[in-house]
Amino acid sequence: MPLMDFFGSFTEGIEFLIALGSILGLLGLIVGFIFLLWGTSRMRGRMIGVIVVSICLLAVCGLNTGLYYFRILR
């Protein structure tokens, strides 16, 4: 059943990408807030964009998805 193997691998890949998006969103949110507080005025404008993108990633991927997938929280 090579077709079933393909779809199994495909769903595992999608699950990995969702977990990776969750971790990147969380990391972007943390780094964005740090540089928003202590960065220069030019950097603050960019960090607002990073924070918005990170919030969108966390909204789509979920906060705990990456933490449980990569066994950071268990």
Protein backbone atom coordinates (compact mmCIF):
# COMPACT_ATOMS: atom_id res chain seq x y z
CA MET A 1 0.00 0.00 0.00
CA PRO A 2 2.41 2.74 -1.14
CA LEU A 3 -0.42 5.26 -1.36
CA MET A 4 -1.21 4.87 2.35
CA ASP A 5 2.49 5.22 3.18
CA PHE A 6 2.56 8.44 1.19
CA PHE A 7 -0.41 9.92 3.02
CA GLY A 8 1.02 8.83 6.38
CA SER A 9 4.29 10.58 5.60
CA PHE A 10 2.41 13.61 4.31
CA THR A 11 0.37 13.99 7.51
CA GLU A 12 3.51 13.56 9.64
CA GLY A 13 5.16 16.33 7.63
CA ILE A 14 2.19 18.65 8.10
CA GLU A 15 2.18 17.90 11.83
CA PHE A 16 5.91 18.75 12.00
CA LEU A 17 5.38 22.05 10.17
CA ILE A 18 2.57 23.03 12.54
CA ALA A 19 4.74 22.22 15.56
CA LEU A 20 7.67 24.15 14.05
CA GLY A 21 5.40 27.16 13.43
CA SER A 22 4.29 27.04 17.04
CA ILE A 23 7.89 27.06 18.32
CA LEU A 24 8.90 29.85 15.92
CA GLY A 25 5.88 31.91 16.97
CA LEU A 26 6.73 31.54 20.63
CA LEU A 27 10.39 32.38 20.03
CA GLY A 28 9.45 35.39 17.89
CA LEU A 29 7.11 36.65 20.57
CA ILE A 30 9.78 36.43 23.26
CA VAL A 31 12.51 38.02 21.13
CA GLY A 32 10.10 40.66 19.85
CA PHE A 33 9.13 41.79 23.34
CA ILE A 34 12.76 41.84 24.51
CA PHE A 35 13.91 44.03 21.61
CA LEU A 36 10.76 46.13 21.81
CA LEU A 37 11.67 47.10 25.37
CA TRP A 38 15.44 47.56 24.96
CA GLY A 39 15.93 48.21 21.25
CA THR A 40 16.50 51.37 19.26
CA SER A 41 13.59 53.27 17.75
CA ARG A 42 14.26 51.79 14.29
CA MET A 43 14.35 48.28 15.72
CA ARG A 44 11.10 48.83 17.65
CA GLY A 45 9.14 49.30 14.45
CA ARG A 46 10.44 46.01 13.08
CA MET A 47 9.76 44.22 16.34
CA ILE A 48 6.12 45.25 16.27
CA GLY A 49 5.90 43.45 12.93
CA VAL A 50 7.66 40.39 14.39
CA ILE A 51 5.22 40.34 17.30
CA VAL A 52 2.20 40.55 14.98
CA VAL A 53 3.51 37.71 12.80
CA SER A 54 4.29 35.65 15.90
CA ILE A 55 0.78 36.13 17.25
CA CYS A 56 -0.63 35.03 13.90
CA LEU A 57 1.60 31.92 13.92
CA LEU A 58 0.49 31.07 17.45
CA ALA A 59 -3.15 31.59 16.50
CA VAL A 60 -2.87 29.23 13.54
CA CYS A 61 -0.54 26.60 15.02
CA GLY A 62 -1.49 26.71 18.69
CA LEU A 63 0.70 27.48 21.66
CA ASN A 64 1.20 24.01 23.12
CA THR A 65 1.48 22.08 19.86
CA GLY A 66 5.22 22.55 19.40
CA LEU A 67 5.97 22.21 23.09
CA TYR A 68 4.36 18.77 23.23
CA TYR A 69 5.55 17.64 19.79
CA PHE A 70 9.21 18.29 20.56
CA ARG A 71 8.73 17.04 24.15
CA ILE A 72 9.76 20.31 25.76
CA LEU A 73 6.80 20.16 28.16
CA ARG A 74 6.20 16.60 29.38
